[in-house]
C-alpha atoms as a PDB file:
ATOM      1  CA  MET A   1       2.744  38.284  11.312  1.00  0.00           C
ATOM      2  CA  ASN A   2       1.089  39.211   8.022  1.00  0.00           C
ATOM      3  CA  ARG A   3       1.528  37.127   4.888  1.00  0.00           C
ATOM      4  CA  LYS A   4       3.890  39.568   3.236  1.00  0.00           C
ATOM      5  CA  CYS A   5       6.246  39.604   6.241  1.00  0.00           C
ATOM      6  CA  LEU A   6       6.044  35.827   6.527  1.00  0.00           C
ATOM      7  CA  ALA A   7       6.925  35.403   2.873  1.00  0.00           C
ATOM      8  CA  CYS A   8       9.798  37.890   3.140  1.00  0.00           C
ATOM      9  CA  THR A   9      11.152  36.087   6.209  1.00  0.00           C
ATOM     10  CA  ALA A  10      10.991  32.718   4.490  1.00  0.00           C
ATOM     11  CA  LEU A  11      12.696  34.081   1.382  1.00  0.00           C
ATOM     12  CA  ALA A  12      15.377  35.782   3.457  1.00  0.00           C
ATOM     13  CA  ALA A  13      16.063  32.474   5.191  1.00  0.00           C
ATOM     14  CA  ALA A  14      16.228  30.763   1.810  1.00  0.00           C
ATOM     15  CA  LEU A  15      18.708  33.353   0.589  1.00  0.00           C
ATOM     16  CA  LEU A  16      20.919  32.838   3.639  1.00  0.00           C
ATOM     17  CA  LEU A  17      20.849  29.058   3.383  1.00  0.00           C
ATOM     18  CA  GLY A  18      20.799  28.797  -0.389  1.00  0.00           C
ATOM     19  CA  VAL A  19      23.365  31.345  -1.404  1.00  0.00           C
ATOM     20  CA  GLY A  20      25.579  30.818   1.609  1.00  0.00           C
ATOM     21  CA  THR A  21      28.815  32.609   0.906  1.00  0.00           C
ATOM     22  CA  MET A  22      28.488  32.538  -2.883  1.00  0.00           C
ATOM     23  CA  ARG A  23      31.208  29.939  -2.926  1.00  0.00           C
ATOM     24  CA  ALA A  24      31.643  27.343  -5.634  1.00  0.00           C
ATOM     25  CA  GLN A  25      33.323  23.976  -5.681  1.00  0.00           C
ATOM     26  CA  ASP A  26      36.523  23.193  -7.525  1.00  0.00           C
ATOM     27  CA  ALA A  27      34.428  20.848  -9.650  1.00  0.00           C
ATOM     28  CA  PRO A  28      30.692  20.999 -10.390  1.00  0.00           C
ATOM     29  CA  PRO A  29      28.658  19.605  -7.494  1.00  0.00           C
ATOM     30  CA  ALA A  30      26.576  16.476  -7.867  1.00  0.00           C
ATOM     31  CA  PRO A  31      23.439  17.150  -9.938  1.00  0.00           C
ATOM     32  CA  ASP A  32      21.160  16.521  -6.959  1.00  0.00           C
ATOM     33  CA  VAL A  33      22.838  19.379  -5.114  1.00  0.00           C
ATOM     34  CA  MET A  34      21.695  21.743  -7.836  1.00  0.00           C
ATOM     35  CA  MET A  35      18.164  20.386  -7.931  1.00  0.00           C
ATOM     36  CA  HIS A  36      17.031  20.193  -4.325  1.00  0.00           C
ATOM     37  CA  GLY A  37      13.731  21.818  -3.504  1.00  0.00           C
ATOM     38  CA  GLY A  38      13.224  24.181  -0.625  1.00  0.00           C
ATOM     39  CA  PRO A  39      11.048  26.917   0.824  1.00  0.00           C
ATOM     40  CA  GLY A  40       8.722  28.301  -1.788  1.00  0.00           C
ATOM     41  CA  GLY A  41       9.682  25.801  -4.478  1.00  0.00           C
ATOM     42  CA  PRO A  42       6.656  24.256  -6.199  1.00  0.00           C
ATOM     43  CA  GLY A  43       8.537  20.986  -6.375  1.00  0.00           C
ATOM     44  CA  GLY A  44       8.962  20.876  -2.615  1.00  0.00           C
ATOM     45  CA  PRO A  45      11.909  19.218  -0.911  1.00  0.00           C
ATOM     46  CA  GLY A  46      13.828  16.575  -2.778  1.00  0.00           C
ATOM     47  CA  PRO A  47      15.723  16.051  -6.031  1.00  0.00           C
ATOM     48  CA  PHE A  48      14.533  17.940  -9.083  1.00  0.00           C
ATOM     49  CA  GLY A  49      12.722  20.510  -6.927  1.00  0.00           C
ATOM     50  CA  ASP A  50      12.540  24.135  -7.974  1.00  0.00           C
ATOM     51  CA  HIS A  51      14.177  26.122  -5.174  1.00  0.00           C
ATOM     52  CA  VAL A  52      17.626  26.809  -6.606  1.00  0.00           C
ATOM     53  CA  GLU A  53      16.599  27.917 -10.074  1.00  0.00           C
ATOM     54  CA  LEU A  54      13.401  29.631  -8.930  1.00  0.00           C
ATOM     55  CA  MET A  55      15.224  31.809  -6.438  1.00  0.00           C
ATOM     56  CA  GLY A  56      17.964  32.664  -8.909  1.00  0.00           C
ATOM     57  CA  PHE A  57      20.705  31.141  -6.749  1.00  0.00           C
ATOM     58  CA  GLU A  58      21.925  28.601  -9.293  1.00  0.00           C
ATOM     59  CA  GLY A  59      25.614  27.891  -8.878  1.00  0.00           C
ATOM     60  CA  LEU A  60      26.180  30.356  -6.048  1.00  0.00           C
ATOM     61  CA  HIS A  61      26.206  28.175  -2.975  1.00  0.00           C
ATOM     62  CA  GLY A  62      28.299  25.570  -1.217  1.00  0.00           C
ATOM     63  CA  GLY A  63      31.918  24.618  -1.826  1.00  0.00           C
ATOM     64  CA  LYS A  64      35.216  26.374  -1.339  1.00  0.00           C
ATOM     65  CA  VAL A  65      35.999  30.079  -1.443  1.00  0.00           C
ATOM     66  CA  VAL A  66      36.853  31.122  -4.998  1.00  0.00           C
ATOM     67  CA  LYS A  67      39.793  33.532  -4.987  1.00  0.00           C
ATOM     68  CA  GLY A  68      41.485  35.200  -7.919  1.00  0.00           C
ATOM     69  CA  ALA A  69      38.422  35.028 -10.155  1.00  0.00           C
ATOM     70  CA  PRO A  70      36.594  38.349  -9.726  1.00  0.00           C
ATOM     71  CA  PHE A  71      33.535  39.110 -11.801  1.00  0.00           C
ATOM     72  CA  SER A  72      30.300  41.050 -12.032  1.00  0.00           C
ATOM     73  CA  ALA A  73      27.238  39.773 -13.849  1.00  0.00           C
ATOM     74  CA  THR A  74      23.490  39.825 -14.073  1.00  0.00           C
ATOM     75  CA  ALA A  75      21.373  36.700 -13.958  1.00  0.00           C
ATOM     76  CA  SER A  76      17.799  35.933 -14.869  1.00  0.00           C
ATOM     77  CA  THR A  77      15.502  33.087 -13.918  1.00  0.00           C
ATOM     78  CA  GLU A  78      12.195  32.476 -15.663  1.00  0.00           C
ATOM     79  CA  THR A  79       9.623  29.873 -14.701  1.00  0.00           C
ATOM     80  CA  THR A  80       6.592  29.190 -16.883  1.00  0.00           C
ATOM     81  CA  GLN A  81       3.831  26.798 -15.883  1.00  0.00           C
ATOM     82  CA  THR A  82       0.704  26.018 -17.885  1.00  0.00           C
ATOM     83  CA  LEU A  83      -2.316  24.723 -15.983  1.00  0.00           C
ATOM     84  CA  PRO A  84      -4.770  22.151 -17.400  1.00  0.00           C
ATOM     85  CA  ASP A  85      -7.317  24.901 -18.141  1.00  0.00           C
ATOM     86  CA  GLY A  86      -4.736  26.757 -20.241  1.00  0.00           C
ATOM     87  CA  THR A  87      -3.852  29.362 -17.622  1.00  0.00           C
ATOM     88  CA  SER A  88      -0.186  30.330 -17.817  1.00  0.00           C
ATOM     89  CA  ILE A  89       1.792  31.306 -14.708  1.00  0.00           C
ATOM     90  CA  HIS A  90       5.028  33.203 -15.261  1.00  0.00           C
ATOM     91  CA  ARG A  91       7.513  34.108 -12.519  1.00  0.00           C
ATOM     92  CA  THR A  92      10.803  35.932 -12.902  1.00  0.00           C
ATOM     93  CA  THR A  93      13.862  36.553 -10.790  1.00  0.00           C
ATOM     94  CA  THR A  94      16.657  38.941 -11.727  1.00  0.00           C
ATOM     95  CA  SER A  95      19.966  39.173  -9.908  1.00  0.00           C
ATOM     96  CA  ASN A  96      23.108  41.257  -9.795  1.00  0.00           C
ATOM     97  CA  LEU A  97      26.121  39.176  -8.789  1.00  0.00           C
ATOM     98  CA  TYR A  98      29.550  40.345  -7.652  1.00  0.00           C
ATOM     99  CA  ARG A  99      32.659  38.518  -6.441  1.00  0.00           C
ATOM    100  CA  ASP A 100      36.064  40.047  -5.696  1.00  0.00           C
ATOM    101  CA  SER A 101      39.558  38.550  -5.832  1.00  0.00           C
ATOM    102  CA  GLN A 102      39.428  37.657  -2.132  1.00  0.00           C
ATOM    103  CA  GLY A 103      36.274  35.590  -2.546  1.00  0.00           C
ATOM    104  CA  ARG A 104      33.878  38.103  -1.003  1.00  0.00           C
ATOM    105  CA  SER A 105      30.502  38.322  -2.693  1.00  0.00           C
ATOM    106  CA  ARG A 106      27.339  40.363  -3.045  1.00  0.00           C
ATOM    107  CA  THR A 107      24.021  39.125  -4.413  1.00  0.00           C
ATOM    108  CA  GLU A 108      21.042  41.351  -5.212  1.00  0.00           C
ATOM    109  CA  VAL A 109      17.926  39.306  -5.971  1.00  0.00           C
ATOM    110  CA  THR A 110      14.727  40.915  -7.280  1.00  0.00           C
ATOM    111  CA  LEU A 111      11.602  38.758  -7.138  1.00  0.00           C
ATOM    112  CA  SER A 112       8.564  39.273  -9.316  1.00  0.00           C
ATOM    113  CA  GLY A 113       5.273  37.391  -9.350  1.00  0.00           C
ATOM    114  CA  PHE A 114       5.490  35.804  -5.890  1.00  0.00           C
ATOM    115  CA  GLY A 115       2.037  36.351  -4.373  1.00  0.00           C
ATOM    116  CA  PRO A 116       2.251  38.254  -1.051  1.00  0.00           C
ATOM    117  CA  LEU A 117       5.492  39.945  -2.100  1.00  0.00           C
ATOM    118  CA  GLN A 118       3.598  41.551  -4.972  1.00  0.00           C
ATOM    119  CA  ALA A 119       0.763  42.966  -2.845  1.00  0.00           C
ATOM    120  CA  SER A 120       2.169  46.457  -3.264  1.00  0.00           C
ATOM    121  CA  GLY A 121       2.579  45.991  -6.994  1.00  0.00           C
ATOM    122  CA  LYS A 122       6.339  46.467  -6.684  1.00  0.00           C
ATOM    123  CA  PRO A 123       9.085  43.832  -7.030  1.00  0.00           C
ATOM    124  CA  HIS A 124      10.968  42.961  -3.854  1.00  0.00           C
ATOM    125  CA  THR A 125      14.780  43.079  -3.774  1.00  0.00           C
ATOM    126  CA  MET A 126      16.960  41.288  -1.222  1.00  0.00           C
ATOM    127  CA  ILE A 127      20.653  42.082  -0.828  1.00  0.00           C
ATOM    128  CA  SER A 128      23.135  39.648   0.655  1.00  0.00           C
ATOM    129  CA  ILE A 129      26.820  40.294   1.385  1.00  0.00           C
ATOM    130  CA  SER A 130      29.205  37.485   2.297  1.00  0.00           C
ATOM    131  CA  ASP A 131      32.522  38.701   3.703  1.00  0.00           C
ATOM    132  CA  THR A 132      34.524  35.494   3.672  1.00  0.00           C
ATOM    133  CA  VAL A 133      37.604  37.407   4.862  1.00  0.00           C
ATOM    134  CA  ALA A 134      35.987  38.599   8.113  1.00  0.00           C
ATOM    135  CA  GLY A 135      33.707  35.565   8.348  1.00  0.00           C
ATOM    136  CA  ASN A 136      30.461  37.532   8.381  1.00  0.00           C
ATOM    137  CA  HIS A 137      27.280  37.333   6.339  1.00  0.00           C
ATOM    138  CA  TYR A 138      24.864  40.283   6.040  1.00  0.00           C
ATOM    139  CA  MET A 139      21.289  40.663   4.865  1.00  0.00           C
ATOM    140  CA  LEU A 140      20.534  44.311   4.078  1.00  0.00           C
ATOM    141  CA  ASP A 141      17.096  45.730   4.836  1.00  0.00           C
ATOM    142  CA  ALA A 142      17.035  48.798   2.599  1.00  0.00           C
ATOM    143  CA  ASP A 143      13.604  49.941   3.839  1.00  0.00           C
ATOM    144  CA  HIS A 144      14.776  50.264   7.449  1.00  0.00           C
ATOM    145  CA  LYS A 145      18.534  50.765   6.878  1.00  0.00           C
ATOM    146  CA  ILE A 146      19.370  47.651   8.910  1.00  0.00           C
ATOM    147  CA  ALA A 147      22.119  45.094   8.243  1.00  0.00           C
ATOM    148  CA  HIS A 148      21.396  41.709   9.831  1.00  0.00           C
ATOM    149  CA  GLN A 149      24.773  40.158  10.669  1.00  0.00           C
ATOM    150  CA  MET A 150      25.567  36.490  11.227  1.00  0.00           C
ATOM    151  CA  ALA A 151      28.805  34.589  11.401  1.00  0.00           C
ATOM    152  CA  ILE A 152      29.082  32.470   8.261  1.00  0.00           C
ATOM    153  CA  HIS A 153      29.172  29.212  10.213  1.00  0.00           C
ATOM    154  CA  GLN A 154      25.924  30.164  11.976  1.00  0.00           C
ATOM    155  CA  HIS A 155      23.688  29.859   8.926  1.00  0.00           C
ATOM    156  CA  GLY A 156      24.394  26.297   7.937  1.00  0.00           C
ATOM    157  CA  GLN A 157      27.724  26.576   6.121  1.00  0.00           C
ATOM    158  CA  PRO A 158      29.068  23.000   6.028  1.00  0.00           C
ATOM    159  CA  THR A 159      32.625  22.044   6.831  1.00  0.00           C
ATOM    160  CA  ALA A 160      34.926  20.723   4.104  1.00  0.00           C
ATOM    161  CA  ALA A 161      34.511  17.189   5.502  1.00  0.00           C
ATOM    162  CA  GLN A 162      30.717  17.506   5.467  1.00  0.00           C
ATOM    163  CA  GLU A 163      30.788  18.794   1.886  1.00  0.00           C
ATOM    164  CA  GLN A 164      32.948  15.868   0.797  1.00  0.00           C
ATOM    165  CA  GLU A 165      30.703  13.363   2.558  1.00  0.00           C
ATOM    166  CA  PHE A 166      27.582  14.889   1.010  1.00  0.00           C
ATOM    167  CA  GLU A 167      29.203  14.900  -2.419  1.00  0.00           C
ATOM    168  CA  GLN A 168      30.076  11.216  -2.077  1.00  0.00           C
ATOM    169  CA  ARG A 169      26.529  10.337  -1.010  1.00  0.00           C
ATOM    170  CA  MET A 170      25.039  12.223  -3.942  1.00  0.00           C
ATOM    171  CA  GLN A 171      27.399  10.608  -6.414  1.00  0.00           C
ATOM    172  CA  ALA A 172      26.631   7.165  -5.006  1.00  0.00           C
ATOM    173  CA  ARG A 173      22.916   7.892  -5.235  1.00  0.00           C
ATOM    174  CA  LEU A 174      23.221   9.096  -8.814  1.00  0.00           C
ATOM    175  CA  GLN A 175      25.200   5.999  -9.802  1.00  0.00           C
ATOM    176  CA  LYS A 176      22.581   3.759  -8.183  1.00  0.00           C
ATOM    177  CA  GLU A 177      19.769   5.520 -10.037  1.00  0.00           C
ATOM    178  CA  GLU A 178      21.721   5.334 -13.296  1.00  0.00           C
ATOM    179  CA  ALA A 179      22.218   1.603 -12.804  1.00  0.00           C
ATOM    180  CA  SER A 180      18.486   1.136 -12.223  1.00  0.00           C
ATOM    181  CA  GLY A 181      17.632   3.072 -15.385  1.00  0.00           C
ATOM    182  CA  ALA A 182      15.732   5.762 -13.459  1.00  0.00           C
ATOM    183  CA  VAL A 183      18.353   8.393 -14.304  1.00  0.00           C
ATOM    184  CA  LYS A 184      20.353   8.942 -17.481  1.00  0.00           C
ATOM    185  CA  LYS A 185      23.347  11.293 -17.518  1.00  0.00           C
ATOM    186  CA  GLU A 186      24.827  12.681 -20.746  1.00  0.00           C
ATOM    187  CA  SER A 187      27.723  14.975 -21.537  1.00  0.00           C
ATOM    188  CA  LEU A 188      26.813  17.865 -23.849  1.00  0.00           C
ATOM    189  CA  GLY A 189      30.404  18.897 -24.513  1.00  0.00           C
ATOM    190  CA  THR A 190      31.741  22.442 -24.349  1.00  0.00           C
ATOM    191  CA  GLN A 191      29.975  25.592 -25.491  1.00  0.00           C
ATOM    192  CA  THR A 192      30.492  29.339 -25.216  1.00  0.00           C
ATOM    193  CA  ILE A 193      27.455  30.989 -23.622  1.00  0.00           C
ATOM    194  CA  ASN A 194      27.337  34.781 -23.368  1.00  0.00           C
ATOM    195  CA  GLY A 195      31.102  34.904 -23.759  1.00  0.00           C
ATOM    196  CA  VAL A 196      31.842  32.257 -21.115  1.00  0.00           C
ATOM    197  CA  THR A 197      33.100  28.757 -21.923  1.00  0.00           C
ATOM    198  CA  ALA A 198      31.079  26.109 -20.112  1.00  0.00           C
ATOM    199  CA  GLU A 199      30.711  22.331 -19.998  1.00  0.00           C
ATOM    200  CA  GLY A 200      27.220  20.916 -20.364  1.00  0.00           C
ATOM    201  CA  THR A 201      25.486  17.989 -18.706  1.00  0.00           C
ATOM    202  CA  ARG A 202      21.991  16.649 -19.269  1.00  0.00           C
ATOM    203  CA  ILE A 203      20.280  14.507 -16.667  1.00  0.00           C
ATOM    204  CA  THR A 204      16.989  12.812 -17.425  1.00  0.00           C
ATOM    205  CA  ARG A 205      15.052  11.268 -14.576  1.00  0.00           C
ATOM    206  CA  THR A 206      12.117   8.981 -15.269  1.00  0.00           C
ATOM    207  CA  ILE A 207       9.418   8.495 -12.667  1.00  0.00           C
ATOM    208  CA  ALA A 208       8.020   5.079 -13.490  1.00  0.00           C
ATOM    209  CA  ALA A 209       4.278   4.604 -13.936  1.00  0.00           C
ATOM    210  CA  GLY A 210       2.625   4.053 -10.573  1.00  0.00           C
ATOM    211  CA  GLN A 211       5.535   5.446  -8.524  1.00  0.00           C
ATOM    212  CA  ILE A 212       3.611   8.524  -7.411  1.00  0.00           C
ATOM    213  CA  GLY A 213       0.170   7.474  -8.600  1.00  0.00           C
ATOM    214  CA  ASN A 214       0.941   8.398 -12.216  1.00  0.00           C
ATOM    215  CA  ASP A 215      -0.592   6.192 -14.920  1.00  0.00           C
ATOM    216  CA  LYS A 216       2.243   6.977 -17.364  1.00  0.00           C
ATOM    217  CA  PRO A 217       6.010   7.534 -16.951  1.00  0.00           C
ATOM    218  CA  ILE A 218       7.049  11.124 -16.207  1.00  0.00           C
ATOM    219  CA  GLN A 219      10.330  12.499 -17.535  1.00  0.00           C
ATOM    220  CA  ILE A 220      12.179  15.372 -15.849  1.00  0.00           C
ATOM    221  CA  VAL A 221      15.049  16.857 -17.853  1.00  0.00           C
ATOM    222  CA  PHE A 222      17.765  19.024 -16.319  1.00  0.00           C
ATOM    223  CA  GLU A 223      20.504  20.673 -18.439  1.00  0.00           C
ATOM    224  CA  ARG A 224      23.360  22.504 -16.772  1.00  0.00           C
ATOM    225  CA  TRP A 225      26.289  24.462 -18.235  1.00  0.00           C
ATOM    226  CA  TYR A 226      29.126  25.011 -15.755  1.00  0.00           C
ATOM    227  CA  SER A 227      32.177  27.266 -16.134  1.00  0.00           C
ATOM    228  CA  ASN A 228      35.287  25.706 -14.592  1.00  0.00           C
ATOM    229  CA  ASP A 229      37.048  29.038 -15.102  1.00  0.00           C
ATOM    230  CA  LEU A 230      34.598  31.166 -13.091  1.00  0.00           C
ATOM    231  CA  GLN A 231      33.299  28.191 -11.062  1.00  0.00           C
ATOM    232  CA  VAL A 232      29.686  29.169 -11.546  1.00  0.00           C
ATOM    233  CA  VAL A 233      26.725  27.848 -13.497  1.00  0.00           C
ATOM    234  CA  VAL A 234      26.292  29.833 -16.713  1.00  0.00           C
ATOM    235  CA  LYS A 235      22.964  28.363 -17.760  1.00  0.00           C
ATOM    236  CA  SER A 236      20.515  25.715 -16.623  1.00  0.00           C
ATOM    237  CA  THR A 237      17.119  24.524 -17.770  1.00  0.00           C
ATOM    238  CA  ARG A 238      14.791  22.231 -15.874  1.00  0.00           C
ATOM    239  CA  THR A 239      11.686  20.872 -17.579  1.00  0.00           C
ATOM    240  CA  ASP A 240       9.165  19.034 -15.428  1.00  0.00           C
ATOM    241  CA  PRO A 241       5.647  18.439 -16.810  1.00  0.00           C
ATOM    242  CA  ARG A 242       4.266  18.822 -13.269  1.00  0.00           C
ATOM    243  CA  PHE A 243       5.723  22.275 -12.649  1.00  0.00           C
ATOM    244  CA  GLY A 244       6.690  23.739 -16.019  1.00  0.00           C
ATOM    245  CA  THR A 245      10.042  24.957 -17.298  1.00  0.00           C
ATOM    246  CA  THR A 246      12.602  26.988 -15.375  1.00  0.00           C
ATOM    247  CA  THR A 247      15.568  28.588 -17.140  1.00  0.00           C
ATOM    248  CA  TYR A 248      18.490  30.305 -15.431  1.00  0.00           C
ATOM    249  CA  THR A 249      20.980  32.372 -17.453  1.00  0.00           C
ATOM    250  CA  LEU A 250      24.103  34.318 -16.472  1.00  0.00           C
ATOM    251  CA  ASN A 251      24.460  37.503 -18.529  1.00  0.00           C
ATOM    252  CA  SER A 252      26.763  40.499 -19.027  1.00  0.00           C
ATOM    253  CA  VAL A 253      29.787  38.931 -17.349  1.00  0.00           C
ATOM    254  CA  GLN A 254      32.582  41.407 -16.583  1.00  0.00           C
ATOM    255  CA  ARG A 255      35.843  39.934 -15.277  1.00  0.00           C
ATOM    256  CA  THR A 256      37.134  43.088 -13.628  1.00  0.00           C
ATOM    257  CA  GLU A 257      37.460  43.780  -9.904  1.00  0.00           C
ATOM    258  CA  PRO A 258      34.142  45.101  -8.492  1.00  0.00           C
ATOM    259  CA  ALA A 259      34.160  48.187  -6.281  1.00  0.00           C
ATOM    260  CA  ALA A 260      35.245  47.364  -2.718  1.00  0.00           C
ATOM    261  CA  THR A 261      32.264  49.281  -1.294  1.00  0.00           C
ATOM    262  CA  LEU A 262      29.926  46.593  -2.638  1.00  0.00           C
ATOM    263  CA  PHE A 263      31.197  44.175   0.035  1.00  0.00           C
ATOM    264  CA  THR A 264      30.815  46.458   3.051  1.00  0.00           C
ATOM    265  CA  VAL A 265      27.762  47.569   5.018  1.00  0.00           C
ATOM    266  CA  PRO A 266      26.761  51.163   4.125  1.00  0.00           C
ATOM    267  CA  SER A 267      27.733  53.684   6.801  1.00  0.00           C
ATOM    268  CA  ASP A 268      24.123  54.812   7.347  1.00  0.00           C
ATOM    269  CA  TYR A 269      22.945  51.285   8.239  1.00  0.00           C
ATOM    270  CA  THR A 270      22.491  49.930  11.770  1.00  0.00           C
ATOM    271  CA  VAL A 271      24.056  46.507  12.282  1.00  0.00           C
ATOM    272  CA  GLN A 272      21.942  43.975  14.191  1.00  0.00           C
ATOM    273  CA  GLN A 273      23.030  40.501  15.232  1.00  0.00           C
ATOM    274  CA  GLY A 274      20.981  37.601  13.852  1.00  0.00           C
ATOM    275  CA  GLY A 275      19.030  37.010  10.688  1.00  0.00           C
ATOM    276  CA  PRO A 276      15.828  38.810   9.616  1.00  0.00           C
ATOM    277  CA  GLY A 277      12.728  37.868  11.605  1.00  0.00           C
ATOM    278  CA  ARG A 278      14.649  36.504  14.598  1.00  0.00           C
ATOM    279  CA  GLY A 279      13.696  37.078  18.180  1.00  0.00           C
ATOM    280  CA  ALA A 280      15.903  37.695  21.213  1.00  0.00           C
ATOM    281  CA  ARG A 281      16.928  34.040  21.387  1.00  0.00           C
ATOM    282  CA  GLY A 282      17.754  33.947  17.693  1.00  0.00           C
ATOM    283  CA  ALA A 283      14.765  31.796  16.780  1.00  0.00           C
ATOM    284  CA  MET A 284      12.874  32.564  13.585  1.00  0.00           C
ATOM    285  CA  ARG A 285       9.553  34.158  14.510  1.00  0.00           C
ATOM    286  CA  MET A 286       6.981  32.097  12.640  1.00  0.00           C
ATOM    287  CA  PRO A 287       3.292  31.616  13.530  1.00  0.00           C
ATOM    288  CA  PRO A 288       2.249  28.151  14.741  1.00  0.00           C
ATOM    289  CA  PRO A 289       0.863  25.864  11.993  1.00  0.00           C
ATOM    290  CA  ASP A 290      -2.730  26.355  13.114  1.00  0.00           C
ATOM    291  CA  ALA A 291      -2.511  30.122  13.593  1.00  0.00           C
ATOM    292  CA  PRO A 292      -4.329  32.170  10.928  1.00  0.00           C
ATOM    293  CA  SER A 293      -2.249  34.814   9.177  1.00  0.00           C
ATOM    294  CA  ALA A 294      -3.375  38.422   9.276  1.00  0.00           C
ATOM    295  CA  GLN A 295      -4.694  39.772   6.019  1.00  0.00           C
END
């Protein structure tokens, strides 16, 4: 498998697992939920990683189906990192987001500045459709006119009980870190951002000197503005001196019903069972760790 295909497969898996069914909780999830790392995130796995914001999936995963709150919007994610020699690395993600009154959703994510994906000099766009009515999730391969179909529960969608348990664990963890002084949580009040009213929260995490070999304390600051009306994140900013600054912004919000065709597979597509890059047994085809990738 060449590097471009490997990267596309990994990003497709991240889209399936990260976006899920574009569902949002009745209340904002615990901050750690929004800051976990993942495939491709420079922060790696763990709290305050970069996966959610970097991939442009902020606020569009986990929780209950949101009905009766249709909208269309664009979203942008920008990550800027400055290296010690002064070199600046800039990555962008743009998205088109749609949700209908029944809770069905469509996400179109365009990646720019992601190494192998940019080999052709063209941005790469991934399209995901979550039909929460029929219980199916689709990844559309526009180049080959293929729709990869999976049942929603097959790509890691947690049950309500699992979500509640995870939420409780994250809240308990946050409270413990607050008590120790490692984390400080502040309310930023209410603000209207791009025409949407949202409530803000700032979380500052301090990595004490010596905790990861650092000779001085490191502060990571995460600000998040959440709309209880739309049940989505409107804006977030994460600043980490190790990885730079990532800003996610929801733009051009339209609260009208999107076209029904956006949530169906185009008639000229072939539907295949299983996610992108899966073999006959449904396993993700990935080279072994010691296998060199083709150039």
